[in-house]
Amino acid sequence: MKNLLIAAAAIAFFASSVFAQTTTPAANPDGDTPAVATPTDQNATAPVEGANSFTETQAKDRIVEAGYADVAELKLDDKGIWQAKATKDGKAVAVSLDYQGNIVAK
């Protein structure tokens, strides 16, 4: 009976360690893509589609910090990109902010 309990405990231990190893997330295969954009480093393929966690206030603040003024009509589109109208250097532009923090003007 004692041997049976030891064997059952050993099997439970090894089974739980196998499950723990399989739940680790896989590494990003595109390691050179920045997770968050900085003022000096931006993803060249921006704006990048993805789940955006910026609130409307945070999105507007980031756009203003990037030098845009009169931010209006700020909306999150179905691709996860904040879209707005703004001005920069006295010119009207359309501005996009993706989930990485990349800001692109057109």
C-alpha atoms as a PDB file:
ATOM      1  CA  MET A   1       0.000   0.000   0.000  1.00  0.00           C
ATOM      2  CA  LYS A   2       2.839   2.357   0.902  1.00  0.00           C
ATOM      3  CA  ASN A   3       4.518   1.685  -2.473  1.00  0.00           C
ATOM      4  CA  LEU A   4       1.244   2.410  -4.264  1.00  0.00           C
ATOM      5  CA  LEU A   5       0.943   5.808  -2.532  1.00  0.00           C
ATOM      6  CA  ILE A   6       4.541   6.686  -3.400  1.00  0.00           C
ATOM      7  CA  ALA A   7       3.997   5.666  -7.024  1.00  0.00           C
ATOM      8  CA  ALA A   8       0.775   7.717  -7.238  1.00  0.00           C
ATOM      9  CA  ALA A   9       2.511  10.772  -5.748  1.00  0.00           C
ATOM     10  CA  ALA A  10       5.410  10.437  -8.214  1.00  0.00           C
ATOM     11  CA  ILE A  11       3.041  10.178 -11.190  1.00  0.00           C
ATOM     12  CA  ALA A  12       1.075  13.231 -10.008  1.00  0.00           C
ATOM     13  CA  PHE A  13       4.291  15.214  -9.571  1.00  0.00           C
ATOM     14  CA  PHE A  14       5.606  14.382 -13.045  1.00  0.00           C
ATOM     15  CA  ALA A  15       2.233  14.991 -14.690  1.00  0.00           C
ATOM     16  CA  SER A  16       1.893  18.428 -13.114  1.00  0.00           C
ATOM     17  CA  SER A  17       5.390  19.444 -14.233  1.00  0.00           C
ATOM     18  CA  VAL A  18       4.561  18.427 -17.814  1.00  0.00           C
ATOM     19  CA  PHE A  19       1.460  20.643 -17.805  1.00  0.00           C
ATOM     20  CA  ALA A  20       3.400  23.557 -16.346  1.00  0.00           C
ATOM     21  CA  GLN A  21       5.901  23.411 -19.200  1.00  0.00           C
ATOM     22  CA  THR A  22       3.240  23.466 -21.920  1.00  0.00           C
ATOM     23  CA  THR A  23       1.556  26.670 -20.699  1.00  0.00           C
ATOM     24  CA  THR A  24       4.583  28.900 -21.329  1.00  0.00           C
ATOM     25  CA  PRO A  25       3.858  31.322 -24.199  1.00  0.00           C
ATOM     26  CA  ALA A  26       5.920  30.967 -27.344  1.00  0.00           C
ATOM     27  CA  ALA A  27       8.511  33.607 -28.180  1.00  0.00           C
ATOM     28  CA  ASN A  28       7.665  36.268 -30.755  1.00  0.00           C
ATOM     29  CA  PRO A  29       9.045  35.027 -34.104  1.00  0.00           C
ATOM     30  CA  ASP A  30       9.498  38.630 -35.264  1.00  0.00           C
ATOM     31  CA  GLY A  31      11.819  39.807 -32.513  1.00  0.00           C
ATOM     32  CA  ASP A  32      12.825  43.041 -34.215  1.00  0.00           C
ATOM     33  CA  THR A  33       9.304  44.484 -34.093  1.00  0.00           C
ATOM     34  CA  PRO A  34       9.114  46.887 -31.139  1.00  0.00           C
ATOM     35  CA  ALA A  35       6.402  46.218 -28.592  1.00  0.00           C
ATOM     36  CA  VAL A  36       6.031  49.918 -27.866  1.00  0.00           C
ATOM     37  CA  ALA A  37       7.073  52.794 -30.071  1.00  0.00           C
ATOM     38  CA  THR A  38       9.254  55.568 -28.723  1.00  0.00           C
ATOM     39  CA  PRO A  39       9.725  59.089 -30.096  1.00  0.00           C
ATOM     40  CA  THR A  40      12.966  57.951 -31.787  1.00  0.00           C
ATOM     41  CA  ASP A  41      11.991  54.373 -32.694  1.00  0.00           C
ATOM     42  CA  GLN A  42       8.835  53.552 -34.637  1.00  0.00           C
ATOM     43  CA  ASN A  43       7.716  50.456 -36.518  1.00  0.00           C
ATOM     44  CA  ALA A  44       8.253  51.060 -40.223  1.00  0.00           C
ATOM     45  CA  THR A  45       5.044  49.203 -41.105  1.00  0.00           C
ATOM     46  CA  ALA A  46       2.874  51.370 -38.845  1.00  0.00           C
ATOM     47  CA  PRO A  47       0.060  51.636 -38.150  1.00  0.00           C
ATOM     48  CA  VAL A  48      -0.019  48.013 -37.019  1.00  0.00           C
ATOM     49  CA  GLU A  49      -3.340  46.209 -36.692  1.00  0.00           C
ATOM     50  CA  GLY A  50      -3.991  44.649 -33.280  1.00  0.00           C
ATOM     51  CA  ALA A  51      -5.833  44.782 -29.986  1.00  0.00           C
ATOM     52  CA  ASN A  52      -5.441  48.346 -28.717  1.00  0.00           C
ATOM     53  CA  SER A  53      -5.469  48.934 -24.965  1.00  0.00           C
ATOM     54  CA  PHE A  54      -5.152  52.740 -25.068  1.00  0.00           C
ATOM     55  CA  THR A  55      -8.169  54.561 -23.704  1.00  0.00           C
ATOM     56  CA  GLU A  56      -9.533  57.505 -25.662  1.00  0.00           C
ATOM     57  CA  THR A  57      -7.860  59.935 -23.244  1.00  0.00           C
ATOM     58  CA  GLN A  58      -4.516  58.130 -23.475  1.00  0.00           C
ATOM     59  CA  ALA A  59      -4.710  58.073 -27.278  1.00  0.00           C
ATOM     60  CA  LYS A  60      -5.436  61.808 -27.431  1.00  0.00           C
ATOM     61  CA  ASP A  61      -2.628  62.579 -24.963  1.00  0.00           C
ATOM     62  CA  ARG A  62      -0.107  60.579 -27.025  1.00  0.00           C
ATOM     63  CA  ILE A  63      -1.132  62.363 -30.217  1.00  0.00           C
ATOM     64  CA  VAL A  64      -0.821  65.768 -28.533  1.00  0.00           C
ATOM     65  CA  GLU A  65       2.581  64.821 -27.044  1.00  0.00           C
ATOM     66  CA  ALA A  66       3.732  63.983 -30.586  1.00  0.00           C
ATOM     67  CA  GLY A  67       3.152  67.619 -31.593  1.00  0.00           C
ATOM     68  CA  TYR A  68      -0.386  67.564 -32.972  1.00  0.00           C
ATOM     69  CA  ALA A  69      -3.058  70.080 -31.968  1.00  0.00           C
ATOM     70  CA  ASP A  70      -6.824  70.377 -32.316  1.00  0.00           C
ATOM     71  CA  VAL A  71      -7.342  66.601 -32.110  1.00  0.00           C
ATOM     72  CA  ALA A  72     -10.934  65.884 -33.135  1.00  0.00           C
ATOM     73  CA  GLU A  73     -13.200  63.005 -34.178  1.00  0.00           C
ATOM     74  CA  LEU A  74     -11.016  60.452 -32.319  1.00  0.00           C
ATOM     75  CA  LYS A  75     -12.426  56.969 -32.884  1.00  0.00           C
ATOM     76  CA  LEU A  76     -11.151  53.408 -32.490  1.00  0.00           C
ATOM     77  CA  ASP A  77     -11.655  51.523 -35.763  1.00  0.00           C
ATOM     78  CA  ASP A  78     -12.356  47.810 -36.261  1.00  0.00           C
ATOM     79  CA  LYS A  79      -8.615  47.097 -36.790  1.00  0.00           C
ATOM     80  CA  GLY A  80      -7.681  48.446 -33.332  1.00  0.00           C
ATOM     81  CA  ILE A  81      -6.268  51.744 -34.619  1.00  0.00           C
ATOM     82  CA  TRP A  82      -7.236  55.122 -33.186  1.00  0.00           C
ATOM     83  CA  GLN A  83      -8.114  57.527 -36.037  1.00  0.00           C
ATOM     84  CA  ALA A  84      -8.422  61.301 -35.647  1.00  0.00           C
ATOM     85  CA  LYS A  85      -8.233  64.628 -37.414  1.00  0.00           C
ATOM     86  CA  ALA A  86      -5.657  67.102 -36.126  1.00  0.00           C
ATOM     87  CA  THR A  87      -3.331  69.915 -37.143  1.00  0.00           C
ATOM     88  CA  LYS A  88       0.449  70.054 -37.179  1.00  0.00           C
ATOM     89  CA  ASP A  89       2.501  73.037 -38.267  1.00  0.00           C
ATOM     90  CA  GLY A  90      -0.745  74.736 -39.270  1.00  0.00           C
ATOM     91  CA  LYS A  91      -1.787  71.946 -41.672  1.00  0.00           C
ATOM     92  CA  ALA A  92      -4.800  69.653 -41.304  1.00  0.00           C
ATOM     93  CA  VAL A  93      -3.854  65.965 -41.190  1.00  0.00           C
ATOM     94  CA  ALA A  94      -5.424  62.587 -40.523  1.00  0.00           C
ATOM     95  CA  VAL A  95      -3.630  60.865 -37.631  1.00  0.00           C
ATOM     96  CA  SER A  96      -3.489  57.166 -36.687  1.00  0.00           C
ATOM     97  CA  LEU A  97      -2.281  55.623 -33.414  1.00  0.00           C
ATOM     98  CA  ASP A  98      -1.779  51.851 -33.233  1.00  0.00           C
ATOM     99  CA  TYR A  99      -1.512  49.529 -30.233  1.00  0.00           C
ATOM    100  CA  GLN A 100       2.301  49.811 -30.253  1.00  0.00           C
ATOM    101  CA  GLY A 101       2.125  53.585 -29.852  1.00  0.00           C
ATOM    102  CA  ASN A 102       3.140  54.344 -33.445  1.00  0.00           C
ATOM    103  CA  ILE A 103       1.688  57.631 -34.706  1.00  0.00           C
ATOM    104  CA  VAL A 104       1.271  58.090 -38.439  1.00  0.00           C
ATOM    105  CA  ALA A 105      -0.055  61.200 -40.208  1.00  0.00           C
ATOM    106  CA  LYS A 106      -1.436  61.400 -43.729  1.00  0.00           C
END
